[in-house]
All heavy atoms as atom14 arrays in JSON, in Angstrom:
{
  "sequence": "TTNLSIAGKTVVVGGFGQCGKGVAMKARGMNADVVVTEVEPRAALEA",
  "atom14_mask": [
    [1, 1, 1, 1, 1, 1, 1, 0, 0, 0, 0, 0, 0, 0],
    [1, 1, 1, 1, 1, 1, 1, 0, 0, 0, 0, 0, 0, 0],
    [1, 1, 1, 1, 1, 1, 1, 1, 0, 0, 0, 0, 0, 0],
    [1, 1, 1, 1, 1, 1, 1, 1, 0, 0, 0, 0, 0, 0],
    [1, 1, 1, 1, 1, 1, 0, 0, 0, 0, 0, 0, 0, 0],
    [1, 1, 1, 1, 1, 1, 1, 1, 0, 0, 0, 0, 0, 0],
    [1, 1, 1, 1, 1, 0, 0, 0, 0, 0, 0, 0, 0, 0],
    [1, 1, 1, 1, 0, 0, 0, 0, 0, 0, 0, 0, 0, 0],
    [1, 1, 1, 1, 1, 1, 1, 1, 1, 0, 0, 0, 0, 0],
    [1, 1, 1, 1, 1, 1, 1, 0, 0, 0, 0, 0, 0, 0],
    [1, 1, 1, 1, 1, 1, 1, 0, 0, 0, 0, 0, 0, 0],
    [1, 1, 1, 1, 1, 1, 1, 0, 0, 0, 0, 0, 0, 0],
    [1, 1, 1, 1, 1, 1, 1, 0, 0, 0, 0, 0, 0, 0],
    [1, 1, 1, 1, 0, 0, 0, 0, 0, 0, 0, 0, 0, 0],
    [1, 1, 1, 1, 0, 0, 0, 0, 0, 0, 0, 0, 0, 0],
    [1, 1, 1, 1, 1, 1, 1, 1, 1, 1, 1, 0, 0, 0],
    [1, 1, 1, 1, 0, 0, 0, 0, 0, 0, 0, 0, 0, 0],
    [1, 1, 1, 1, 1, 1, 1, 1, 1, 0, 0, 0, 0, 0],
    [1, 1, 1, 1, 1, 1, 0, 0, 0, 0, 0, 0, 0, 0],
    [1, 1, 1, 1, 0, 0, 0, 0, 0, 0, 0, 0, 0, 0],
    [1, 1, 1, 1, 1, 1, 1, 1, 1, 0, 0, 0, 0, 0],
    [1, 1, 1, 1, 0, 0, 0, 0, 0, 0, 0, 0, 0, 0],
    [1, 1, 1, 1, 1, 1, 1, 0, 0, 0, 0, 0, 0, 0],
    [1, 1, 1, 1, 1, 0, 0, 0, 0, 0, 0, 0, 0, 0],
    [1, 1, 1, 1, 1, 1, 1, 1, 0, 0, 0, 0, 0, 0],
    [1, 1, 1, 1, 1, 1, 1, 1, 1, 0, 0, 0, 0, 0],
    [1, 1, 1, 1, 1, 0, 0, 0, 0, 0, 0, 0, 0, 0],
    [1, 1, 1, 1, 1, 1, 1, 1, 1, 1, 1, 0, 0, 0],
    [1, 1, 1, 1, 0, 0, 0, 0, 0, 0, 0, 0, 0, 0],
    [1, 1, 1, 1, 1, 1, 1, 1, 0, 0, 0, 0, 0, 0],
    [1, 1, 1, 1, 1, 1, 1, 1, 0, 0, 0, 0, 0, 0],
    [1, 1, 1, 1, 1, 0, 0, 0, 0, 0, 0, 0, 0, 0],
    [1, 1, 1, 1, 1, 1, 1, 1, 0, 0, 0, 0, 0, 0],
    [1, 1, 1, 1, 1, 1, 1, 0, 0, 0, 0, 0, 0, 0],
    [1, 1, 1, 1, 1, 1, 1, 0, 0, 0, 0, 0, 0, 0],
    [1, 1, 1, 1, 1, 1, 1, 0, 0, 0, 0, 0, 0, 0],
    [1, 1, 1, 1, 1, 1, 1, 0, 0, 0, 0, 0, 0, 0],
    [1, 1, 1, 1, 1, 1, 1, 1, 1, 0, 0, 0, 0, 0],
    [1, 1, 1, 1, 1, 1, 1, 0, 0, 0, 0, 0, 0, 0],
    [1, 1, 1, 1, 1, 1, 1, 1, 1, 0, 0, 0, 0, 0],
    [1, 1, 1, 1, 1, 1, 1, 0, 0, 0, 0, 0, 0, 0],
    [1, 1, 1, 1, 1, 1, 1, 1, 1, 1, 1, 0, 0, 0],
    [1, 1, 1, 1, 1, 0, 0, 0, 0, 0, 0, 0, 0, 0],
    [1, 1, 1, 1, 1, 0, 0, 0, 0, 0, 0, 0, 0, 0],
    [1, 1, 1, 1, 1, 1, 1, 1, 0, 0, 0, 0, 0, 0],
    [1, 1, 1, 1, 1, 1, 1, 1, 1, 0, 0, 0, 0, 0],
    [1, 1, 1, 1, 1, 0, 0, 0, 0, 0, 0, 0, 0, 0]
  ],
  "atom14_positions": [
    [[6.7, 1.98, 16.53], [5.94, 2.84, 17.25], [4.79, 1.91, 18.03], [4.55, 2.21, 19.09], [5.33, 4.04, 16.65], [6.37, 4.72, 15.97], [4.41, 4.77, 17.4], [0.0, 0.0, 0.0], [0.0, 0.0, 0.0], [0.0, 0.0, 0.0], [0.0, 0.0, 0.0], [0.0, 0.0, 0.0], [0.0, 0.0, 0.0], [0.0, 0.0, 0.0]],
    [[4.27, 0.96, 17.28], [3.18, 0.16, 17.69], [3.39, -1.17, 18.27], [2.75, -1.73, 18.98], [2.13, -0.15, 16.55], [2.89, -0.84, 15.63], [1.58, 1.31, 15.93], [0.0, 0.0, 0.0], [0.0, 0.0, 0.0], [0.0, 0.0, 0.0], [0.0, 0.0, 0.0], [0.0, 0.0, 0.0], [0.0, 0.0, 0.0], [0.0, 0.0, 0.0]],
    [[4.78, -1.69, 17.9], [5.16, -3.01, 18.23], [4.1, -4.02, 17.69], [3.95, -5.05, 18.25], [5.15, -3.23, 19.78], [6.08, -4.5, 20.01], [6.85, -4.91, 19.36], [5.75, -5.06, 21.22], [0.0, 0.0, 0.0], [0.0, 0.0, 0.0], [0.0, 0.0, 0.0], [0.0, 0.0, 0.0], [0.0, 0.0, 0.0], [0.0, 0.0, 0.0]],
    [[3.43, -3.77, 16.59], [2.62, -4.58, 15.85], [3.26, -5.15, 14.57], [3.99, -4.22, 13.93], [1.23, -3.83, 15.62], [0.43, -3.38, 16.9], [-0.75, -2.64, 16.35], [0.12, -4.63, 17.65], [0.0, 0.0, 0.0], [0.0, 0.0, 0.0], [0.0, 0.0, 0.0], [0.0, 0.0, 0.0], [0.0, 0.0, 0.0], [0.0, 0.0, 0.0]],
    [[2.75, -6.28, 14.05], [3.29, -6.71, 12.83], [2.6, -6.16, 11.58], [1.36, -5.83, 11.65], [3.06, -8.34, 12.9], [3.45, -8.88, 11.67], [0.0, 0.0, 0.0], [0.0, 0.0, 0.0], [0.0, 0.0, 0.0], [0.0, 0.0, 0.0], [0.0, 0.0, 0.0], [0.0, 0.0, 0.0], [0.0, 0.0, 0.0], [0.0, 0.0, 0.0]],
    [[3.35, -6.13, 10.59], [2.67, -5.79, 9.24], [2.04, -7.01, 8.6], [1.02, -7.0, 7.94], [3.67, -5.17, 8.32], [4.19, -3.86, 8.9], [3.07, -4.75, 7.01], [3.21, -2.71, 9.1], [0.0, 0.0, 0.0], [0.0, 0.0, 0.0], [0.0, 0.0, 0.0], [0.0, 0.0, 0.0], [0.0, 0.0, 0.0], [0.0, 0.0, 0.0]],
    [[2.73, -8.14, 8.72], [2.35, -9.4, 8.06], [0.94, -9.84, 8.52], [0.6, -9.65, 9.71], [3.39, -10.43, 8.3], [0.0, 0.0, 0.0], [0.0, 0.0, 0.0], [0.0, 0.0, 0.0], [0.0, 0.0, 0.0], [0.0, 0.0, 0.0], [0.0, 0.0, 0.0], [0.0, 0.0, 0.0], [0.0, 0.0, 0.0], [0.0, 0.0, 0.0]],
    [[0.16, -10.21, 7.52], [-1.09, -10.77, 7.77], [-2.24, -9.64, 7.95], [-3.39, -10.01, 8.16], [0.0, 0.0, 0.0], [0.0, 0.0, 0.0], [0.0, 0.0, 0.0], [0.0, 0.0, 0.0], [0.0, 0.0, 0.0], [0.0, 0.0, 0.0], [0.0, 0.0, 0.0], [0.0, 0.0, 0.0], [0.0, 0.0, 0.0], [0.0, 0.0, 0.0]],
    [[-1.82, -8.43, 7.93], [-2.74, -7.3, 8.13], [-3.17, -6.79, 6.77], [-2.5, -7.01, 5.77], [-2.21, -6.21, 8.78], [-2.15, -6.47, 10.34], [-1.73, -5.35, 11.25], [-1.86, -5.56, 12.77], [-1.09, -6.67, 13.19], [0.0, 0.0, 0.0], [0.0, 0.0, 0.0], [0.0, 0.0, 0.0], [0.0, 0.0, 0.0], [0.0, 0.0, 0.0]],
    [[-4.44, -6.05, 6.73], [-4.78, -5.39, 5.53], [-4.36, -4.06, 5.62], [-4.67, -3.25, 6.69], [-6.29, -5.38, 5.41], [-6.78, -6.84, 5.22], [-6.69, -4.58, 4.1], [0.0, 0.0, 0.0], [0.0, 0.0, 0.0], [0.0, 0.0, 0.0], [0.0, 0.0, 0.0], [0.0, 0.0, 0.0], [0.0, 0.0, 0.0], [0.0, 0.0, 0.0]],
    [[-3.47, -3.58, 4.69], [-2.83, -2.17, 4.77], [-3.57, -1.36, 3.7], [-3.43, -1.87, 2.51], [-1.31, -2.33, 4.51], [-0.78, -0.93, 4.51], [-0.68, -3.08, 5.72], [0.0, 0.0, 0.0], [0.0, 0.0, 0.0], [0.0, 0.0, 0.0], [0.0, 0.0, 0.0], [0.0, 0.0, 0.0], [0.0, 0.0, 0.0], [0.0, 0.0, 0.0]],
    [[-4.06, -0.27, 4.01], [-4.67, 0.6, 3.02], [-3.75, 1.87, 2.76], [-3.43, 2.53, 3.65], [-6.08, 1.14, 3.51], [-6.67, 1.97, 2.59], [-6.92, -0.08, 3.81], [0.0, 0.0, 0.0], [0.0, 0.0, 0.0], [0.0, 0.0, 0.0], [0.0, 0.0, 0.0], [0.0, 0.0, 0.0], [0.0, 0.0, 0.0], [0.0, 0.0, 0.0]],
    [[-3.37, 1.88, 1.62], [-2.48, 2.99, 1.15], [-3.22, 4.05, 0.4], [-3.73, 3.86, -0.62], [-1.28, 2.44, 0.22], [-0.34, 3.58, -0.1], [-0.54, 1.43, 0.96], [0.0, 0.0, 0.0], [0.0, 0.0, 0.0], [0.0, 0.0, 0.0], [0.0, 0.0, 0.0], [0.0, 0.0, 0.0], [0.0, 0.0, 0.0], [0.0, 0.0, 0.0]],
    [[-3.23, 5.31, 0.99], [-3.98, 6.33, 0.33], [-3.0, 7.05, -0.66], [-2.05, 7.79, -0.2], [0.0, 0.0, 0.0], [0.0, 0.0, 0.0], [0.0, 0.0, 0.0], [0.0, 0.0, 0.0], [0.0, 0.0, 0.0], [0.0, 0.0, 0.0], [0.0, 0.0, 0.0], [0.0, 0.0, 0.0], [0.0, 0.0, 0.0], [0.0, 0.0, 0.0]],
    [[-3.23, 6.76, -2.03], [-2.4, 7.39, -3.01], [-1.32, 6.53, -3.53], [-0.72, 5.7, -2.82], [0.0, 0.0, 0.0], [0.0, 0.0, 0.0], [0.0, 0.0, 0.0], [0.0, 0.0, 0.0], [0.0, 0.0, 0.0], [0.0, 0.0, 0.0], [0.0, 0.0, 0.0], [0.0, 0.0, 0.0], [0.0, 0.0, 0.0], [0.0, 0.0, 0.0]],
    [[-1.21, 6.38, -4.94], [-0.23, 5.49, -5.63], [0.78, 6.42, -6.43], [1.06, 6.05, -7.59], [-0.94, 4.59, -6.51], [-0.14, 3.32, -6.7], [0.13, 2.41, -5.7], [0.28, 3.08, -7.9], [0.91, 1.25, -5.96], [1.04, 1.96, -8.27], [1.37, 1.11, -7.25], [0.0, 0.0, 0.0], [0.0, 0.0, 0.0], [0.0, 0.0, 0.0]],
    [[1.25, 7.47, -5.85], [2.35, 8.22, -6.4], [3.62, 7.39, -6.06], [3.59, 6.33, -5.56], [0.0, 0.0, 0.0], [0.0, 0.0, 0.0], [0.0, 0.0, 0.0], [0.0, 0.0, 0.0], [0.0, 0.0, 0.0], [0.0, 0.0, 0.0], [0.0, 0.0, 0.0], [0.0, 0.0, 0.0], [0.0, 0.0, 0.0], [0.0, 0.0, 0.0]],
    [[4.79, 8.11, -6.18], [5.99, 7.36, -5.98], [6.14, 6.94, -4.5], [6.48, 5.78, -4.17], [7.12, 8.27, -6.2], [7.3, 8.63, -7.73], [7.65, 7.32, -8.58], [8.28, 6.45, -8.1], [7.28, 7.41, -9.72], [0.0, 0.0, 0.0], [0.0, 0.0, 0.0], [0.0, 0.0, 0.0], [0.0, 0.0, 0.0], [0.0, 0.0, 0.0]],
    [[5.63, 7.83, -3.55], [5.66, 7.38, -2.15], [4.65, 6.32, -1.94], [5.02, 5.34, -1.13], [5.31, 8.69, -1.25], [6.69, 9.91, -1.29], [0.0, 0.0, 0.0], [0.0, 0.0, 0.0], [0.0, 0.0, 0.0], [0.0, 0.0, 0.0], [0.0, 0.0, 0.0], [0.0, 0.0, 0.0], [0.0, 0.0, 0.0], [0.0, 0.0, 0.0]],
    [[3.37, 6.47, -2.2], [2.42, 5.4, -2.12], [2.92, 4.1, -2.64], [2.59, 3.02, -2.13], [0.0, 0.0, 0.0], [0.0, 0.0, 0.0], [0.0, 0.0, 0.0], [0.0, 0.0, 0.0], [0.0, 0.0, 0.0], [0.0, 0.0, 0.0], [0.0, 0.0, 0.0], [0.0, 0.0, 0.0], [0.0, 0.0, 0.0], [0.0, 0.0, 0.0]],
    [[3.43, 4.18, -3.89], [3.99, 2.91, -4.51], [4.94, 2.27, -3.74], [4.93, 0.96, -3.5], [4.52, 3.28, -5.78], [4.93, 2.08, -6.66], [5.74, 2.49, -7.99], [4.72, 3.17, -8.93], [5.41, 3.54, -10.13], [0.0, 0.0, 0.0], [0.0, 0.0, 0.0], [0.0, 0.0, 0.0], [0.0, 0.0, 0.0], [0.0, 0.0, 0.0]],
    [[5.86, 3.04, -3.13], [6.86, 2.39, -2.13], [6.41, 1.81, -0.91], [6.67, 0.68, -0.54], [0.0, 0.0, 0.0], [0.0, 0.0, 0.0], [0.0, 0.0, 0.0], [0.0, 0.0, 0.0], [0.0, 0.0, 0.0], [0.0, 0.0, 0.0], [0.0, 0.0, 0.0], [0.0, 0.0, 0.0], [0.0, 0.0, 0.0], [0.0, 0.0, 0.0]],
    [[5.29, 2.43, -0.31], [4.7, 1.88, 0.89], [3.93, 0.52, 0.37], [4.14, -0.46, 1.11], [3.77, 2.91, 1.44], [2.82, 2.14, 2.6], [4.52, 4.16, 2.08], [0.0, 0.0, 0.0], [0.0, 0.0, 0.0], [0.0, 0.0, 0.0], [0.0, 0.0, 0.0], [0.0, 0.0, 0.0], [0.0, 0.0, 0.0], [0.0, 0.0, 0.0]],
    [[3.2, 0.64, -0.57], [2.53, -0.45, -1.03], [3.35, -1.75, -1.45], [3.13, -2.86, -1.04], [1.61, -0.27, -2.3], [0.0, 0.0, 0.0], [0.0, 0.0, 0.0], [0.0, 0.0, 0.0], [0.0, 0.0, 0.0], [0.0, 0.0, 0.0], [0.0, 0.0, 0.0], [0.0, 0.0, 0.0], [0.0, 0.0, 0.0], [0.0, 0.0, 0.0]],
    [[4.4, -1.51, -2.23], [5.32, -2.59, -2.46], [6.07, -3.1, -1.25], [6.18, -4.32, -1.06], [6.4, -1.98, -3.48], [5.83, -1.64, -4.71], [7.18, -0.71, -5.84], [8.6, -1.68, -5.66], [0.0, 0.0, 0.0], [0.0, 0.0, 0.0], [0.0, 0.0, 0.0], [0.0, 0.0, 0.0], [0.0, 0.0, 0.0], [0.0, 0.0, 0.0]],
    [[6.53, -2.28, -0.43], [7.17, -2.82, 0.84], [6.14, -3.55, 1.74], [6.55, -4.57, 2.28], [7.81, -1.64, 1.76], [8.77, -0.75, 0.76], [10.04, -1.61, 0.28], [11.03, -0.85, -0.47], [12.15, -1.44, -0.82], [0.0, 0.0, 0.0], [0.0, 0.0, 0.0], [0.0, 0.0, 0.0], [0.0, 0.0, 0.0], [0.0, 0.0, 0.0]],
    [[5.02, -3.12, 1.87], [3.96, -3.79, 2.77], [3.74, -5.01, 2.11], [3.58, -6.02, 2.89], [2.68, -2.93, 2.87], [0.0, 0.0, 0.0], [0.0, 0.0, 0.0], [0.0, 0.0, 0.0], [0.0, 0.0, 0.0], [0.0, 0.0, 0.0], [0.0, 0.0, 0.0], [0.0, 0.0, 0.0], [0.0, 0.0, 0.0], [0.0, 0.0, 0.0]],
    [[3.54, -5.15, 0.83], [3.22, -6.59, 0.14], [4.43, -7.47, 0.37], [4.39, -8.57, 0.68], [3.02, -6.4, -1.37], [2.82, -7.67, -2.07], [2.11, -7.53, -3.41], [3.07, -6.69, -4.28], [2.66, -6.35, -5.48], [1.35, -6.69, -5.9], [3.43, -5.59, -6.28], [0.0, 0.0, 0.0], [0.0, 0.0, 0.0], [0.0, 0.0, 0.0]],
    [[5.69, -6.82, 0.3], [6.9, -7.69, 0.69], [6.97, -8.14, 2.06], [7.63, -9.07, 2.32], [0.0, 0.0, 0.0], [0.0, 0.0, 0.0], [0.0, 0.0, 0.0], [0.0, 0.0, 0.0], [0.0, 0.0, 0.0], [0.0, 0.0, 0.0], [0.0, 0.0, 0.0], [0.0, 0.0, 0.0], [0.0, 0.0, 0.0], [0.0, 0.0, 0.0]],
    [[6.21, -7.46, 2.99], [6.13, -7.86, 4.36], [4.9, -8.77, 4.62], [4.49, -8.99, 5.73], [6.13, -6.51, 5.29], [7.42, -5.79, 5.11], [7.3, -4.31, 5.98], [7.37, -4.71, 7.67], [0.0, 0.0, 0.0], [0.0, 0.0, 0.0], [0.0, 0.0, 0.0], [0.0, 0.0, 0.0], [0.0, 0.0, 0.0], [0.0, 0.0, 0.0]],
    [[4.27, -9.29, 3.55], [3.26, -10.3, 3.52], [1.91, -9.7, 4.13], [1.0, -10.28, 4.82], [3.43, -11.43, 4.43], [4.66, -12.16, 3.89], [4.83, -12.26, 2.62], [5.63, -12.65, 4.72], [0.0, 0.0, 0.0], [0.0, 0.0, 0.0], [0.0, 0.0, 0.0], [0.0, 0.0, 0.0], [0.0, 0.0, 0.0], [0.0, 0.0, 0.0]],
    [[1.62, -8.42, 3.83], [0.32, -7.76, 4.02], [-0.57, -7.76, 2.79], [-0.09, -7.99, 1.61], [0.52, -6.21, 4.4], [0.0, 0.0, 0.0], [0.0, 0.0, 0.0], [0.0, 0.0, 0.0], [0.0, 0.0, 0.0], [0.0, 0.0, 0.0], [0.0, 0.0, 0.0], [0.0, 0.0, 0.0], [0.0, 0.0, 0.0], [0.0, 0.0, 0.0]],
    [[-1.88, -7.85, 3.15], [-2.88, -7.71, 1.92], [-3.05, -6.13, 1.78], [-3.43, -5.36, 2.69], [-4.19, -8.26, 2.39], [-5.23, -7.97, 1.5], [-4.96, -7.85, 0.27], [-6.49, -7.84, 1.91], [0.0, 0.0, 0.0], [0.0, 0.0, 0.0], [0.0, 0.0, 0.0], [0.0, 0.0, 0.0], [0.0, 0.0, 0.0], [0.0, 0.0, 0.0]],
    [[-2.66, -5.72, 0.65], [-2.56, -4.12, 0.34], [-3.71, -3.66, -0.54], [-4.0, -4.22, -1.68], [-1.17, -3.78, -0.31], [-1.12, -2.28, -0.51], [0.03, -4.24, 0.48], [0.0, 0.0, 0.0], [0.0, 0.0, 0.0], [0.0, 0.0, 0.0], [0.0, 0.0, 0.0], [0.0, 0.0, 0.0], [0.0, 0.0, 0.0], [0.0, 0.0, 0.0]],
    [[-4.35, -2.72, -0.17], [-5.47, -1.99, -0.87], [-4.93, -0.62, -1.15], [-4.31, -0.01, -0.25], [-6.74, -1.96, -0.09], [-7.83, -1.15, -0.73], [-7.27, -3.28, 0.34], [0.0, 0.0, 0.0], [0.0, 0.0, 0.0], [0.0, 0.0, 0.0], [0.0, 0.0, 0.0], [0.0, 0.0, 0.0], [0.0, 0.0, 0.0], [0.0, 0.0, 0.0]],
    [[-5.11, -0.23, -2.39], [-4.75, 1.16, -2.81], [-5.95, 2.03, -3.04], [-6.97, 1.46, -3.66], [-3.89, 1.22, -3.95], [-3.76, 2.58, -4.57], [-2.62, 0.4, -3.66], [0.0, 0.0, 0.0], [0.0, 0.0, 0.0], [0.0, 0.0, 0.0], [0.0, 0.0, 0.0], [0.0, 0.0, 0.0], [0.0, 0.0, 0.0], [0.0, 0.0, 0.0]],
    [[-6.03, 3.26, -2.49], [-7.16, 4.29, -2.95], [-6.46, 5.39, -3.79], [-5.35, 5.75, -3.56], [-7.78, 4.94, -1.76], [-7.02, 5.68, -1.05], [-8.24, 3.76, -0.87], [0.0, 0.0, 0.0], [0.0, 0.0, 0.0], [0.0, 0.0, 0.0], [0.0, 0.0, 0.0], [0.0, 0.0, 0.0], [0.0, 0.0, 0.0], [0.0, 0.0, 0.0]],
    [[-7.13, 5.88, -4.83], [-6.58, 6.78, -5.63], [-7.78, 7.65, -6.3], [-8.95, 7.37, -6.2], [-5.98, 6.13, -6.98], [-4.53, 6.25, -6.93], [-3.97, 7.74, -6.91], [-4.72, 8.64, -7.32], [-2.84, 7.99, -6.61], [0.0, 0.0, 0.0], [0.0, 0.0, 0.0], [0.0, 0.0, 0.0], [0.0, 0.0, 0.0], [0.0, 0.0, 0.0]],
    [[-7.43, 8.86, -6.7], [-8.33, 9.8, -7.38], [-7.83, 10.02, -8.89], [-8.62, 10.4, -9.71], [-8.39, 11.12, -6.72], [-8.86, 11.1, -5.34], [-6.99, 11.78, -6.83], [0.0, 0.0, 0.0], [0.0, 0.0, 0.0], [0.0, 0.0, 0.0], [0.0, 0.0, 0.0], [0.0, 0.0, 0.0], [0.0, 0.0, 0.0], [0.0, 0.0, 0.0]],
    [[-6.73, 9.55, -9.28], [-6.12, 9.73, -10.65], [-6.22, 8.34, -11.31], [-5.74, 7.44, -10.94], [-4.53, 10.11, -10.51], [-4.12, 11.02, -11.67], [-4.07, 10.24, -13.0], [-3.67, 9.07, -12.87], [-4.3, 10.9, -14.12], [0.0, 0.0, 0.0], [0.0, 0.0, 0.0], [0.0, 0.0, 0.0], [0.0, 0.0, 0.0], [0.0, 0.0, 0.0]],
    [[-6.98, 8.34, -12.46], [-7.36, 7.06, -13.15], [-6.16, 6.35, -13.5], [-6.11, 5.11, -13.4], [-8.19, 7.57, -14.24], [-7.98, 9.03, -14.35], [-7.69, 9.53, -13.2], [0.0, 0.0, 0.0], [0.0, 0.0, 0.0], [0.0, 0.0, 0.0], [0.0, 0.0, 0.0], [0.0, 0.0, 0.0], [0.0, 0.0, 0.0], [0.0, 0.0, 0.0]],
    [[-5.03, 7.07, -14.05], [-3.91, 6.38, -14.56], [-3.1, 5.67, -13.27], [-2.68, 4.41, -13.49], [-3.2, 7.09, -15.42], [-3.78, 7.7, -16.69], [-3.2, 8.83, -17.27], [-3.3, 10.04, -16.41], [-2.93, 11.19, -16.81], [-2.29, 11.45, -17.94], [-3.12, 12.29, -15.9], [0.0, 0.0, 0.0], [0.0, 0.0, 0.0], [0.0, 0.0, 0.0]],
    [[-3.03, 6.38, -12.26], [-2.26, 5.84, -11.16], [-3.24, 4.61, -10.66], [-2.5, 3.63, -10.15], [-2.05, 6.9, -10.0], [0.0, 0.0, 0.0], [0.0, 0.0, 0.0], [0.0, 0.0, 0.0], [0.0, 0.0, 0.0], [0.0, 0.0, 0.0], [0.0, 0.0, 0.0], [0.0, 0.0, 0.0], [0.0, 0.0, 0.0], [0.0, 0.0, 0.0]],
    [[-4.43, 4.8, -10.41], [-5.31, 3.74, -9.98], [-5.16, 2.4, -10.91], [-5.03, 1.31, -10.47], [-6.68, 4.07, -10.08], [0.0, 0.0, 0.0], [0.0, 0.0, 0.0], [0.0, 0.0, 0.0], [0.0, 0.0, 0.0], [0.0, 0.0, 0.0], [0.0, 0.0, 0.0], [0.0, 0.0, 0.0], [0.0, 0.0, 0.0], [0.0, 0.0, 0.0]],
    [[-5.05, 2.71, -12.26], [-4.91, 1.58, -13.18], [-3.55, 1.02, -13.1], [-3.4, -0.26, -13.05], [-5.13, 2.04, -14.62], [-5.02, 1.07, -15.71], [-6.0, -0.17, -15.48], [-5.25, 1.54, -17.08], [0.0, 0.0, 0.0], [0.0, 0.0, 0.0], [0.0, 0.0, 0.0], [0.0, 0.0, 0.0], [0.0, 0.0, 0.0], [0.0, 0.0, 0.0]],
    [[-2.49, 1.75, -12.75], [-1.22, 1.12, -12.58], [-1.17, 0.25, -11.27], [-0.64, -0.95, -11.37], [-0.19, 2.36, -12.39], [1.25, 1.71, -12.17], [2.24, 3.01, -11.89], [1.86, 4.14, -11.7], [3.48, 2.63, -11.91], [0.0, 0.0, 0.0], [0.0, 0.0, 0.0], [0.0, 0.0, 0.0], [0.0, 0.0, 0.0], [0.0, 0.0, 0.0]],
    [[-1.87, 0.77, -10.3], [-1.91, -0.03, -9.05], [-2.62, -1.43, -9.24], [-2.28, -2.34, -8.71], [-2.76, 0.7, -7.91], [0.0, 0.0, 0.0], [0.0, 0.0, 0.0], [0.0, 0.0, 0.0], [0.0, 0.0, 0.0], [0.0, 0.0, 0.0], [0.0, 0.0, 0.0], [0.0, 0.0, 0.0], [0.0, 0.0, 0.0], [0.0, 0.0, 0.0]]
  ]
}
């Protein structure tokens, strides 16, 4: 949609449930710097 690269960017993922985990893992695999935000303490600790 953007024709922009993921690599080298800081990607902020809101939520670290199963979907957020997938986005975060795939973005890291595409060489992004990944930040996670969470409200659930165990999910935040897992991230």
